[in-house]
Amino acid sequence: MDITKSLKMLMLDRNIKQIDVASRFYDSETNNNSKNTFNNLIRRNDYKLNDIIKIATILDYEVQLKFVDKNTGKIIEVE
């Protein structure tokens, strides 16, 4: 599953509209340009880790990062 689909599932789970997340993402409810910029971010599905963390925080979720060795399956958790 791609990040955009996951984020949209989180929004549905919290019953929060994308436009409301956009307003909080840019800390501006009246700036329509910010909402368009956020919609472009979602549409591109090309996020920075900080973007994902910020959206998750707005939706009251936590992001957990881990590295998995492809050869051994060893997992290294990021704290």
PDB file of N, CA and C in Angstrom:
ATOM      1  N   MET A   1       0.844  -1.180   0.000  1.00  0.00           N
ATOM      2  CA  MET A   1       0.000   0.000   0.000  1.00  0.00           C
ATOM      3  C   MET A   1       0.890   1.244   0.000  1.00  0.00           C
ATOM      4  N   ASP A   2       0.520   2.234  -0.790  1.00  0.00           N
ATOM      5  CA  ASP A   2       1.343   3.433  -0.830  1.00  0.00           C
ATOM      6  C   ASP A   2       0.988   4.377   0.325  1.00  0.00           C
ATOM      7  N   ILE A   3       1.834   5.347   0.546  1.00  0.00           N
ATOM      8  CA  ILE A   3       1.681   6.269   1.680  1.00  0.00           C
ATOM      9  C   ILE A   3       0.378   7.052   1.591  1.00  0.00           C
ATOM     10  N   THR A   4       0.035   7.540   0.395  1.00  0.00           N
ATOM     11  CA  THR A   4      -1.194   8.330   0.258  1.00  0.00           C
ATOM     12  C   THR A   4      -2.410   7.523   0.666  1.00  0.00           C
ATOM     13  N   LYS A   5      -2.500   6.283   0.216  1.00  0.00           N
ATOM     14  CA  LYS A   5      -3.642   5.442   0.597  1.00  0.00           C
ATOM     15  C   LYS A   5      -3.672   5.244   2.106  1.00  0.00           C
ATOM     16  N   SER A   6      -2.514   5.025   2.695  1.00  0.00           N
ATOM     17  CA  SER A   6      -2.453   4.844   4.158  1.00  0.00           C
ATOM     18  C   SER A   6      -2.902   6.105   4.882  1.00  0.00           C
ATOM     19  N   LEU A   7      -2.426   7.266   4.430  1.00  0.00           N
ATOM     20  CA  LEU A   7      -2.809   8.523   5.076  1.00  0.00           C
ATOM     21  C   LEU A   7      -4.310   8.786   4.931  1.00  0.00           C
ATOM     22  N   LYS A   8      -4.856   8.465   3.769  1.00  0.00           N
ATOM     23  CA  LYS A   8      -6.299   8.643   3.573  1.00  0.00           C
ATOM     24  C   LYS A   8      -7.093   7.701   4.474  1.00  0.00           C
ATOM     25  N   MET A   9      -6.567   6.491   4.697  1.00  0.00           N
ATOM     26  CA  MET A   9      -7.220   5.564   5.627  1.00  0.00           C
ATOM     27  C   MET A   9      -7.207   6.135   7.046  1.00  0.00           C
ATOM     28  N   LEU A  10      -6.083   6.758   7.428  1.00  0.00           N
ATOM     29  CA  LEU A  10      -6.006   7.373   8.752  1.00  0.00           C
ATOM     30  C   LEU A  10      -7.012   8.511   8.885  1.00  0.00           C
ATOM     31  N   MET A  11      -7.150   9.313   7.826  1.00  0.00           N
ATOM     32  CA  MET A  11      -8.127  10.411   7.842  1.00  0.00           C
ATOM     33  C   MET A  11      -9.541   9.865   7.988  1.00  0.00           C
ATOM     34  N   LEU A  12      -9.845   8.796   7.261  1.00  0.00           N
ATOM     35  CA  LEU A  12     -11.163   8.170   7.386  1.00  0.00           C
ATOM     36  C   LEU A  12     -11.380   7.630   8.792  1.00  0.00           C
ATOM     37  N   ASP A  13     -10.351   7.000   9.338  1.00  0.00           N
ATOM     38  CA  ASP A  13     -10.445   6.440  10.686  1.00  0.00           C
ATOM     39  C   ASP A  13     -10.751   7.512  11.721  1.00  0.00           C
ATOM     40  N   ARG A  14     -10.191   8.692  11.521  1.00  0.00           N
ATOM     41  CA  ARG A  14     -10.402   9.803  12.456  1.00  0.00           C
ATOM     42  C   ARG A  14     -11.570  10.691  12.044  1.00  0.00           C
ATOM     43  N   ASN A  15     -12.195  10.375  10.904  1.00  0.00           N
ATOM     44  CA  ASN A  15     -13.302  11.159  10.383  1.00  0.00           C
ATOM     45  C   ASN A  15     -12.907  12.631  10.202  1.00  0.00           C
ATOM     46  N   ILE A  16     -11.712  12.830   9.624  1.00  0.00           N
ATOM     47  CA  ILE A  16     -11.182  14.167   9.379  1.00  0.00           C
ATOM     48  C   ILE A  16     -11.001  14.335   7.881  1.00  0.00           C
ATOM     49  N   LYS A  17     -11.503  15.439   7.343  1.00  0.00           N
ATOM     50  CA  LYS A  17     -11.400  15.702   5.911  1.00  0.00           C
ATOM     51  C   LYS A  17      -9.997  16.184   5.553  1.00  0.00           C
ATOM     52  N   GLN A  18      -9.615  15.904   4.315  1.00  0.00           N
ATOM     53  CA  GLN A  18      -8.299  16.305   3.827  1.00  0.00           C
ATOM     54  C   GLN A  18      -8.106  17.810   3.927  1.00  0.00           C
ATOM     55  N   ILE A  19      -9.152  18.584   3.676  1.00  0.00           N
ATOM     56  CA  ILE A  19      -9.046  20.044   3.740  1.00  0.00           C
ATOM     57  C   ILE A  19      -8.753  20.513   5.166  1.00  0.00           C
ATOM     58  N   ASP A  20      -9.264  19.785   6.156  1.00  0.00           N
ATOM     59  CA  ASP A  20      -8.994  20.132   7.557  1.00  0.00           C
ATOM     60  C   ASP A  20      -7.551  19.806   7.937  1.00  0.00           C
ATOM     61  N   VAL A  21      -7.045  18.694   7.422  1.00  0.00           N
ATOM     62  CA  VAL A  21      -5.638  18.351   7.660  1.00  0.00           C
ATOM     63  C   VAL A  21      -4.749  19.393   6.989  1.00  0.00           C
ATOM     64  N   ALA A  22      -5.113  19.806   5.784  1.00  0.00           N
ATOM     65  CA  ALA A  22      -4.341  20.820   5.057  1.00  0.00           C
ATOM     66  C   ALA A  22      -4.263  22.118   5.853  1.00  0.00           C
ATOM     67  N   SER A  23      -5.384  22.520   6.432  1.00  0.00           N
ATOM     68  CA  SER A  23      -5.401  23.755   7.225  1.00  0.00           C
ATOM     69  C   SER A  23      -4.450  23.674   8.404  1.00  0.00           C
ATOM     70  N   ARG A  24      -4.413  22.536   9.044  1.00  0.00           N
ATOM     71  CA  ARG A  24      -3.532  22.376  10.202  1.00  0.00           C
ATOM     72  C   ARG A  24      -2.086  22.139   9.785  1.00  0.00           C
ATOM     73  N   PHE A  25      -1.887  21.502   8.636  1.00  0.00           N
ATOM     74  CA  PHE A  25      -0.542  21.215   8.144  1.00  0.00           C
ATOM     75  C   PHE A  25       0.228  22.509   7.909  1.00  0.00           C
ATOM     76  N   TYR A  26      -0.455  23.508   7.370  1.00  0.00           N
ATOM     77  CA  TYR A  26       0.186  24.784   7.086  1.00  0.00           C
ATOM     78  C   TYR A  26      -0.169  25.860   8.104  1.00  0.00           C
ATOM     79  N   ASP A  27      -0.900  25.488   9.168  1.00  0.00           N
ATOM     80  CA  ASP A  27      -1.279  26.419  10.233  1.00  0.00           C
ATOM     81  C   ASP A  27      -1.989  27.657   9.688  1.00  0.00           C
ATOM     82  N   SER A  28      -2.869  27.443   8.709  1.00  0.00           N
ATOM     83  CA  SER A  28      -3.592  28.564   8.122  1.00  0.00           C
ATOM     84  C   SER A  28      -4.908  28.065   7.546  1.00  0.00           C
ATOM     85  N   GLU A  29      -6.013  28.470   8.160  1.00  0.00           N
ATOM     86  CA  GLU A  29      -7.312  28.023   7.679  1.00  0.00           C
ATOM     87  C   GLU A  29      -7.813  28.860   6.512  1.00  0.00           C
ATOM     88  N   THR A  30      -7.288  30.044   6.323  1.00  0.00           N
ATOM     89  CA  THR A  30      -7.824  30.938   5.304  1.00  0.00           C
ATOM     90  C   THR A  30      -6.982  30.998   4.045  1.00  0.00           C
ATOM     91  N   ASN A  31      -5.813  30.437   4.052  1.00  0.00           N
ATOM     92  CA  ASN A  31      -4.925  30.510   2.901  1.00  0.00           C
ATOM     93  C   ASN A  31      -5.231  29.365   1.946  1.00  0.00           C
ATOM     94  N   ASN A  32      -5.998  29.663   0.901  1.00  0.00           N
ATOM     95  CA  ASN A  32      -6.390  28.638  -0.067  1.00  0.00           C
ATOM     96  C   ASN A  32      -5.176  28.050  -0.783  1.00  0.00           C
ATOM     97  N   ASN A  33      -4.136  28.855  -0.981  1.00  0.00           N
ATOM     98  CA  ASN A  33      -2.920  28.374  -1.629  1.00  0.00           C
ATOM     99  C   ASN A  33      -2.302  27.220  -0.839  1.00  0.00           C
ATOM    100  N   SER A  34      -2.330  27.305   0.478  1.00  0.00           N
ATOM    101  CA  SER A  34      -1.784  26.234   1.318  1.00  0.00           C
ATOM    102  C   SER A  34      -2.558  24.942   1.102  1.00  0.00           C
ATOM    103  N   LYS A  35      -3.872  25.053   0.969  1.00  0.00           N
ATOM    104  CA  LYS A  35      -4.699  23.863   0.767  1.00  0.00           C
ATOM    105  C   LYS A  35      -4.375  23.231  -0.584  1.00  0.00           C
ATOM    106  N   ASN A  36      -4.170  24.068  -1.602  1.00  0.00           N
ATOM    107  CA  ASN A  36      -3.799  23.538  -2.917  1.00  0.00           C
ATOM    108  C   ASN A  36      -2.434  22.872  -2.869  1.00  0.00           C
ATOM    109  N   THR A  37      -1.505  23.479  -2.153  1.00  0.00           N
ATOM    110  CA  THR A  37      -0.171  22.904  -2.014  1.00  0.00           C
ATOM    111  C   THR A  37      -0.242  21.545  -1.327  1.00  0.00           C
ATOM    112  N   PHE A  38      -1.060  21.437  -0.287  1.00  0.00           N
ATOM    113  CA  PHE A  38      -1.227  20.171   0.421  1.00  0.00           C
ATOM    114  C   PHE A  38      -1.854  19.127  -0.505  1.00  0.00           C
ATOM    115  N   ASN A  39      -2.867  19.523  -1.257  1.00  0.00           N
ATOM    116  CA  ASN A  39      -3.502  18.586  -2.191  1.00  0.00           C
ATOM    117  C   ASN A  39      -2.503  18.081  -3.224  1.00  0.00           C
ATOM    118  N   ASN A  40      -1.611  18.950  -3.670  1.00  0.00           N
ATOM    119  CA  ASN A  40      -0.561  18.528  -4.603  1.00  0.00           C
ATOM    120  C   ASN A  40       0.392  17.534  -3.946  1.00  0.00           C
ATOM    121  N   LEU A  41       0.718  17.763  -2.687  1.00  0.00           N
ATOM    122  CA  LEU A  41       1.576  16.843  -1.936  1.00  0.00           C
ATOM    123  C   LEU A  41       0.936  15.457  -1.888  1.00  0.00           C
ATOM    124  N   ILE A  42      -0.340  15.415  -1.573  1.00  0.00           N
ATOM    125  CA  ILE A  42      -1.070  14.143  -1.492  1.00  0.00           C
ATOM    126  C   ILE A  42      -1.127  13.469  -2.872  1.00  0.00           C
ATOM    127  N   ARG A  43      -1.411  14.246  -3.886  1.00  0.00           N
ATOM    128  CA  ARG A  43      -1.552  13.698  -5.237  1.00  0.00           C
ATOM    129  C   ARG A  43      -0.233  13.132  -5.768  1.00  0.00           C
ATOM    130  N   ARG A  44       0.891  13.788  -5.462  1.00  0.00           N
ATOM    131  CA  ARG A  44       2.209  13.338  -5.946  1.00  0.00           C
ATOM    132  C   ARG A  44       2.661  12.043  -5.285  1.00  0.00           C
ATOM    133  N   ASN A  45       2.218  11.826  -4.046  1.00  0.00           N
ATOM    134  CA  ASN A  45       2.632  10.639  -3.286  1.00  0.00           C
ATOM    135  C   ASN A  45       4.158  10.575  -3.174  1.00  0.00           C
ATOM    136  N   ASP A  46       4.759  11.736  -2.919  1.00  0.00           N
ATOM    137  CA  ASP A  46       6.216  11.853  -2.811  1.00  0.00           C
ATOM    138  C   ASP A  46       6.516  12.693  -1.570  1.00  0.00           C
ATOM    139  N   TYR A  47       6.574  12.040  -0.422  1.00  0.00           N
ATOM    140  CA  TYR A  47       6.651  12.731   0.860  1.00  0.00           C
ATOM    141  C   TYR A  47       8.062  12.722   1.432  1.00  0.00           C
ATOM    142  N   LYS A  48       8.356  13.725   2.205  1.00  0.00           N
ATOM    143  CA  LYS A  48       9.520  13.707   3.077  1.00  0.00           C
ATOM    144  C   LYS A  48       9.058  13.048   4.378  1.00  0.00           C
ATOM    145  N   LEU A  49       9.981  12.467   5.081  1.00  0.00           N
ATOM    146  CA  LEU A  49       9.633  11.824   6.346  1.00  0.00           C
ATOM    147  C   LEU A  49       8.971  12.813   7.292  1.00  0.00           C
ATOM    148  N   ASN A  50       9.454  14.048   7.313  1.00  0.00           N
ATOM    149  CA  ASN A  50       8.866  15.068   8.193  1.00  0.00           C
ATOM    150  C   ASN A  50       7.410  15.343   7.837  1.00  0.00           C
ATOM    151  N   ASP A  51       7.057  15.284   6.546  1.00  0.00           N
ATOM    152  CA  ASP A  51       5.670  15.477   6.125  1.00  0.00           C
ATOM    153  C   ASP A  51       4.781  14.373   6.691  1.00  0.00           C
ATOM    154  N   ILE A  52       5.262  13.149   6.590  1.00  0.00           N
ATOM    155  CA  ILE A  52       4.491  12.003   7.090  1.00  0.00           C
ATOM    156  C   ILE A  52       4.290  12.118   8.594  1.00  0.00           C
ATOM    157  N   ILE A  53       5.346  12.473   9.302  1.00  0.00           N
ATOM    158  CA  ILE A  53       5.259  12.612  10.760  1.00  0.00           C
ATOM    159  C   ILE A  53       4.286  13.729  11.132  1.00  0.00           C
ATOM    160  N   LYS A  54       4.333  14.837  10.415  1.00  0.00           N
ATOM    161  CA  LYS A  54       3.454  15.968  10.714  1.00  0.00           C
ATOM    162  C   LYS A  54       1.988  15.611  10.463  1.00  0.00           C
ATOM    163  N   ILE A  55       1.715  14.934   9.354  1.00  0.00           N
ATOM    164  CA  ILE A  55       0.337  14.521   9.068  1.00  0.00           C
ATOM    165  C   ILE A  55      -0.142  13.524  10.115  1.00  0.00           C
ATOM    166  N   ALA A  56       0.697  12.562  10.451  1.00  0.00           N
ATOM    167  CA  ALA A  56       0.330  11.575  11.474  1.00  0.00           C
ATOM    168  C   ALA A  56       0.049  12.252  12.807  1.00  0.00           C
ATOM    169  N   THR A  57       0.848  13.228  13.167  1.00  0.00           N
ATOM    170  CA  THR A  57       0.651  13.956  14.422  1.00  0.00           C
ATOM    171  C   THR A  57      -0.678  14.697  14.405  1.00  0.00           C
ATOM    172  N   ILE A  58      -0.997  15.341  13.294  1.00  0.00           N
ATOM    173  CA  ILE A  58      -2.286  16.032  13.167  1.00  0.00           C
ATOM    174  C   ILE A  58      -3.433  15.056  13.389  1.00  0.00           C
ATOM    175  N   LEU A  59      -3.263  13.823  12.888  1.00  0.00           N
ATOM    176  CA  LEU A  59      -4.307  12.809  13.009  1.00  0.00           C
ATOM    177  C   LEU A  59      -4.213  12.011  14.306  1.00  0.00           C
ATOM    178  N   ASP A  60      -3.300  12.405  15.180  1.00  0.00           N
ATOM    179  CA  ASP A  60      -3.093  11.757  16.476  1.00  0.00           C
ATOM    180  C   ASP A  60      -2.626  10.309  16.338  1.00  0.00           C
ATOM    181  N   TYR A  61      -1.688  10.118  15.404  1.00  0.00           N
ATOM    182  CA  TYR A  61      -1.018   8.837  15.236  1.00  0.00           C
ATOM    183  C   TYR A  61       0.461   9.035  15.469  1.00  0.00           C
ATOM    184  N   GLU A  62       1.153   7.945  15.697  1.00  0.00           N
ATOM    185  CA  GLU A  62       2.595   7.936  15.872  1.00  0.00           C
ATOM    186  C   GLU A  62       3.214   7.191  14.690  1.00  0.00           C
ATOM    187  N   VAL A  63       4.358   7.639  14.233  1.00  0.00           N
ATOM    188  CA  VAL A  63       5.078   6.963  13.155  1.00  0.00           C
ATOM    189  C   VAL A  63       6.242   6.205  13.778  1.00  0.00           C
ATOM    190  N   GLN A  64       6.384   4.944  13.389  1.00  0.00           N
ATOM    191  CA  GLN A  64       7.500   4.145  13.862  1.00  0.00           C
ATOM    192  C   GLN A  64       8.332   3.733  12.663  1.00  0.00           C
ATOM    193  N   LEU A  65       9.635   3.903  12.788  1.00  0.00           N
ATOM    194  CA  LEU A  65      10.543   3.599  11.690  1.00  0.00           C
ATOM    195  C   LEU A  65      11.464   2.469  12.106  1.00  0.00           C
ATOM    196  N   LYS A  66      11.689   1.550  11.171  1.00  0.00           N
ATOM    197  CA  LYS A  66      12.632   0.465  11.434  1.00  0.00           C
ATOM    198  C   LYS A  66      13.326   0.098  10.134  1.00  0.00           C
ATOM    199  N   PHE A  67      14.509  -0.457  10.281  1.00  0.00           N
ATOM    200  CA  PHE A  67      15.284  -0.946   9.147  1.00  0.00           C
ATOM    201  C   PHE A  67      15.309  -2.464   9.221  1.00  0.00           C
ATOM    202  N   VAL A  68      15.090  -3.111   8.086  1.00  0.00           N
ATOM    203  CA  VAL A  68      15.082  -4.571   8.031  1.00  0.00           C
ATOM    204  C   VAL A  68      16.151  -5.023   7.035  1.00  0.00           C
ATOM    205  N   ASP A  69      17.080  -5.832   7.533  1.00  0.00           N
ATOM    206  CA  ASP A  69      18.129  -6.380   6.680  1.00  0.00           C
ATOM    207  C   ASP A  69      17.478  -7.372   5.711  1.00  0.00           C
ATOM    208  N   LYS A  70      17.635  -7.139   4.426  1.00  0.00           N
ATOM    209  CA  LYS A  70      17.016  -7.998   3.414  1.00  0.00           C
ATOM    210  C   LYS A  70      17.580  -9.401   3.406  1.00  0.00           C
ATOM    211  N   ASN A  71      18.802  -9.555   3.853  1.00  0.00           N
ATOM    212  CA  ASN A  71      19.449 -10.875   3.833  1.00  0.00           C
ATOM    213  C   ASN A  71      19.131 -11.717   5.062  1.00  0.00           C
ATOM    214  N   THR A  72      19.129 -11.066   6.217  1.00  0.00           N
ATOM    215  CA  THR A  72      18.958 -11.826   7.457  1.00  0.00           C
ATOM    216  C   THR A  72      17.598 -11.614   8.128  1.00  0.00           C
ATOM    217  N   GLY A  73      16.904 -10.562   7.737  1.00  0.00           N
ATOM    218  CA  GLY A  73      15.629 -10.268   8.397  1.00  0.00           C
ATOM    219  C   GLY A  73      15.814  -9.529   9.705  1.00  0.00           C
ATOM    220  N   LYS A  74      17.062  -9.256  10.088  1.00  0.00           N
ATOM    221  CA  LYS A  74      17.334  -8.538  11.341  1.00  0.00           C
ATOM    222  C   LYS A  74      16.667  -7.160  11.282  1.00  0.00           C
ATOM    223  N   ILE A  75      16.007  -6.795  12.373  1.00  0.00           N
ATOM    224  CA  ILE A  75      15.292  -5.522  12.465  1.00  0.00           C
ATOM    225  C   ILE A  75      16.023  -4.582  13.406  1.00  0.00           C
ATOM    226  N   ILE A  76      16.237  -3.365  12.939  1.00  0.00           N
ATOM    227  CA  ILE A  76      16.804  -2.321  13.782  1.00  0.00           C
ATOM    228  C   ILE A  76      15.744  -1.231  13.911  1.00  0.00           C
ATOM    229  N   GLU A  77      15.266  -1.047  15.122  1.00  0.00           N
ATOM    230  CA  GLU A  77      14.258  -0.020  15.410  1.00  0.00           C
ATOM    231  C   GLU A  77      14.921   1.329  15.555  1.00  0.00           C
ATOM    232  N   VAL A  78      14.281   2.360  15.069  1.00  0.00           N
ATOM    233  CA  VAL A  78      14.752   3.726  15.213  1.00  0.00           C
ATOM    234  C   VAL A  78      14.022   4.339  16.389  1.00  0.00           C
ATOM    235  N   GLU A  79      14.782   4.867  17.322  1.00  0.00           N
ATOM    236  CA  GLU A  79      14.165   5.441  18.517  1.00  0.00           C
ATOM    237  C   GLU A  79      14.024   6.930  18.399  1.00  0.00           C
TER     238      GLU A  79
END
